[in-house]
Protein backbone atom coordinates (compact mmCIF):
# COMPACT_ATOMS: atom_id res chain seq x y z
CA UNK A 1 -82.32 20.56 -11.17
CA UNK A 2 -85.50 22.10 -9.79
CA UNK A 3 -85.91 23.85 -13.10
CA UNK A 4 -85.56 20.55 -14.99
CA UNK A 5 -88.23 18.89 -12.79
CA UNK A 6 -90.65 21.79 -13.30
CA UNK A 7 -90.03 21.79 -17.04
CA UNK A 8 -90.53 18.03 -17.22
CA UNK A 9 -93.73 18.30 -15.18
CA UNK A 10 -95.01 21.10 -17.46
CA UNK A 11 -94.24 19.07 -20.59
CA UNK A 12 -96.08 16.09 -19.15
CA UNK A 13 -99.14 18.22 -18.38
CA UNK A 14 -99.17 19.70 -21.90
CA UNK A 15 -98.88 16.23 -23.34
CA UNK A 16 -101.86 15.02 -21.28
CA UNK A 17 -103.93 18.03 -22.38
CA UNK A 18 -103.15 17.35 -26.05
CA UNK A 19 -103.92 13.63 -25.63
CA UNK A 20 -107.21 14.52 -23.90
CA UNK A 21 -108.22 16.74 -26.79
CA UNK A 22 -107.49 14.03 -29.33
CA UNK A 23 -109.55 11.55 -27.36
CA UNK A 24 -112.51 13.97 -27.18
CA UNK A 25 -113.32 13.51 -30.90
CA UNK A 26 -116.29 11.21 -31.53
CA UNK A 27 -118.34 10.17 -34.49
CA UNK A 28 -121.88 9.15 -35.32
CA UNK A 29 -123.56 7.55 -38.32
CA UNK A 30 -126.90 8.02 -40.05
CA UNK A 31 -128.76 5.63 -42.30
CA UNK A 32 -128.86 6.37 -46.02
CA UNK A 33 -131.93 5.39 -48.00
CA UNK A 34 -133.44 5.82 -51.44
CA UNK A 35 -136.76 4.68 -52.80
CA UNK A 36 -137.36 3.86 -56.43
CA UNK A 37 -140.99 4.23 -57.42
CA UNK A 38 -142.60 2.34 -60.24
CA UNK A 39 -142.92 4.27 -63.47
CA UNK A 40 -145.77 6.76 -63.47
CA UNK A 41 -147.84 7.17 -66.61
CA UNK A 42 -150.94 8.95 -67.79
CA UNK A 43 -152.99 7.98 -70.83
CA UNK A 44 -156.20 9.24 -72.40
CA UNK A 45 -159.04 6.84 -73.17
CA UNK A 46 -159.04 6.44 -76.97
CA UNK A 47 -162.87 6.26 -77.01
CA UNK A 48 -163.40 9.16 -74.60
CA UNK A 49 -160.76 11.71 -75.56
CA UNK A 50 -162.56 14.98 -76.37
CA UNK A 51 -163.34 18.08 -74.31
CA UNK A 52 -166.45 19.16 -76.21
CA UNK A 53 -168.16 22.49 -75.52
CA UNK A 54 -171.07 21.55 -77.79
CA UNK A 55 -172.39 24.08 -80.26
CA UNK A 56 -172.65 27.82 -79.79
CA UNK A 57 -174.37 30.35 -82.01
CA UNK A 58 -174.03 34.12 -81.94
CA UNK A 59 -177.13 35.57 -80.37
CA UNK A 60 -175.95 39.17 -80.42
CA UNK A 61 -172.38 39.06 -79.09
CA UNK A 62 -170.73 42.43 -78.59
CA UNK A 63 -167.91 41.23 -76.32
CA UNK A 64 -166.13 37.99 -75.40
CA UNK A 65 -168.15 35.55 -73.30
CA UNK A 66 -167.19 32.32 -71.54
CA UNK A 67 -168.79 28.91 -71.90
CA UNK A 68 -167.90 26.45 -69.13
CA UNK A 69 -167.87 22.67 -69.17
CA UNK A 70 -167.27 21.21 -65.71
CA UNK A 71 -165.02 18.17 -65.27
CA UNK A 72 -168.15 16.06 -64.73
CA UNK A 73 -169.41 16.92 -68.25
CA UNK A 74 -172.11 19.41 -67.22
CA UNK A 75 -172.44 23.03 -68.31
CA UNK A 76 -170.74 25.17 -65.67
CA UNK A 77 -173.29 27.93 -65.77
CA UNK A 78 -176.19 28.87 -67.91
CA UNK A 79 -175.40 29.74 -71.47
CA UNK A 80 -174.55 33.46 -71.76
CA UNK A 81 -177.57 35.48 -72.93
CA UNK A 82 -175.75 36.57 -76.11
CA UNK A 83 -175.14 32.95 -77.20
CA UNK A 84 -177.33 30.04 -78.10
CA UNK A 85 -175.81 26.86 -76.63
CA UNK A 86 -176.64 23.32 -77.63
CA UNK A 87 -175.13 20.04 -78.71
CA UNK A 88 -173.48 17.36 -76.68
CA UNK A 89 -170.96 18.20 -73.97
CA UNK A 90 -168.12 15.80 -73.22
CA UNK A 91 -165.01 15.55 -71.07
CA UNK A 92 -161.98 13.37 -71.80
CA UNK A 93 -161.07 10.54 -69.42
CA UNK A 94 -157.44 10.12 -68.42
CA UNK A 95 -155.95 7.20 -66.46
CA UNK A 96 -152.97 7.49 -64.13
CA UNK A 97 -150.97 4.31 -63.47
CA UNK A 98 -148.35 4.13 -60.74
CA UNK A 99 -147.54 2.81 -57.28
CA UNK A 100 -150.61 2.11 -55.12
CA UNK A 101 -150.84 4.26 -52.02
CA UNK A 102 -148.69 7.08 -53.42
CA UNK A 103 -149.92 10.64 -53.86
CA UNK A 104 -149.88 12.22 -57.33
CA UNK A 105 -150.52 15.75 -58.62
CA UNK A 106 -152.07 16.65 -61.99
CA UNK A 107 -151.03 19.87 -63.71
CA UNK A 108 -151.66 21.25 -67.16
CA UNK A 109 -148.90 21.78 -69.71
CA UNK A 110 -150.28 25.25 -70.47
CA UNK A 111 -152.67 27.52 -68.58
CA UNK A 112 -154.46 28.29 -71.86
CA UNK A 113 -154.82 26.46 -75.15
CA UNK A 114 -155.77 27.87 -78.51
CA UNK A 115 -158.43 26.27 -80.67
CA UNK A 116 -158.11 26.98 -84.38
CA UNK A 117 -160.47 26.99 -87.34
CA UNK A 118 -159.03 25.19 -90.39
CA UNK A 119 -159.95 27.94 -92.91
CA UNK A 120 -161.63 31.00 -91.40
CA UNK A 121 -163.17 33.39 -93.93
CA UNK A 122 -161.45 36.75 -94.30
CA UNK A 123 -162.52 39.28 -91.69
CA UNK A 124 -163.44 36.66 -89.07
CA UNK A 125 -161.64 35.39 -86.01
CA UNK A 126 -160.31 31.85 -86.54
CA UNK A 127 -159.14 31.17 -82.98
CA UNK A 128 -160.68 30.72 -79.55
CA UNK A 129 -159.02 30.21 -76.17
CA UNK A 130 -159.68 27.52 -73.58
CA UNK A 131 -158.54 28.29 -70.02
CA UNK A 132 -159.25 27.53 -66.36
CA UNK A 133 -158.85 23.78 -66.78
CA UNK A 134 -160.21 21.63 -63.96
CA UNK A 135 -160.12 17.94 -63.13
CA UNK A 136 -162.55 15.66 -61.35
CA UNK A 137 -159.86 15.11 -58.67
CA UNK A 138 -160.09 17.16 -55.49
CA UNK A 139 -157.32 19.75 -55.70
CA UNK A 140 -156.10 18.06 -58.91
CA UNK A 141 -154.48 15.42 -56.69
CA UNK A 142 -155.11 11.80 -55.74
CA UNK A 143 -153.68 8.93 -53.75
CA UNK A 144 -153.48 5.96 -56.08
CA UNK A 145 -155.77 3.18 -54.81
CA UNK A 146 -155.01 -0.55 -54.68
CA UNK A 147 -154.08 -1.59 -58.18
CA UNK A 148 -152.33 1.75 -58.74
CA UNK A 149 -154.71 3.27 -61.30
CA UNK A 150 -156.92 6.34 -61.03
CA UNK A 151 -159.24 7.81 -63.67
CA UNK A 152 -160.08 11.50 -63.92
CA UNK A 153 -161.82 13.83 -66.35
CA UNK A 154 -161.00 17.37 -67.49
CA UNK A 155 -163.21 20.44 -67.98
CA UNK A 156 -162.47 24.03 -68.91
CA UNK A 157 -163.70 27.44 -70.01
CA UNK A 158 -164.03 28.42 -73.67
CA UNK A 159 -163.91 32.11 -74.59
CA UNK A 160 -166.10 32.97 -77.60
CA UNK A 161 -165.64 36.31 -79.37
CA UNK A 162 -168.17 38.41 -81.29
CA UNK A 163 -166.57 37.80 -84.70
CA UNK A 164 -165.93 34.04 -84.62
CA UNK A 165 -165.74 32.25 -87.96
CA UNK A 166 -168.48 29.69 -88.47
CA UNK A 167 -167.25 26.11 -88.36
CA UNK A 168 -165.33 23.65 -86.22
CA UNK A 169 -162.38 24.64 -84.01
CA UNK A 170 -159.87 22.16 -82.63
CA UNK A 171 -156.85 22.01 -80.38
CA UNK A 172 -155.42 19.92 -77.54
CA UNK A 173 -155.05 19.97 -73.78
CA UNK A 174 -152.04 18.22 -72.25
CA UNK A 175 -151.91 17.00 -68.65
CA UNK A 176 -148.81 16.21 -66.60
CA UNK A 177 -148.80 13.87 -63.62
CA UNK A 178 -146.05 13.60 -60.99
CA UNK A 179 -145.58 11.86 -57.67
CA UNK A 180 -145.81 14.22 -54.68
């Protein structure tokens, strides 16, 4: 009988230990949220949509040289000594539209773009490269002001070679804008 009492007491203790473990489980909850932002868009001003490096003339080129147009429409440096620079400089104006107070980042589709001559004469180079694109936004970023729109302009660096075909070259620059 003593053995039965000890066994019953042991079973009761094990059962209390198991019940205590089951009661030790707890739970907690966290909030779940999502924010839907208004559509973000970027457009180019139809009347101000050209990055124009002006005119350049070979003044004794023997190697590639760079011509810079800053995002504010000014020449980035003096015209290289082996070129003659003139004409009107211009920068395109883009407009971002989105949610006021939100931060956006501007990037370029490609790090370089190729400008092409429509019909370069044989023995001449019919392409030029534009690179090192810049914007008028500090760090290519902005916080959209009240109203949710922000304008910016784009500049870049044109590389001119010693055997460029005479005539007009054209190409495009594509910007991307995303919420940060």
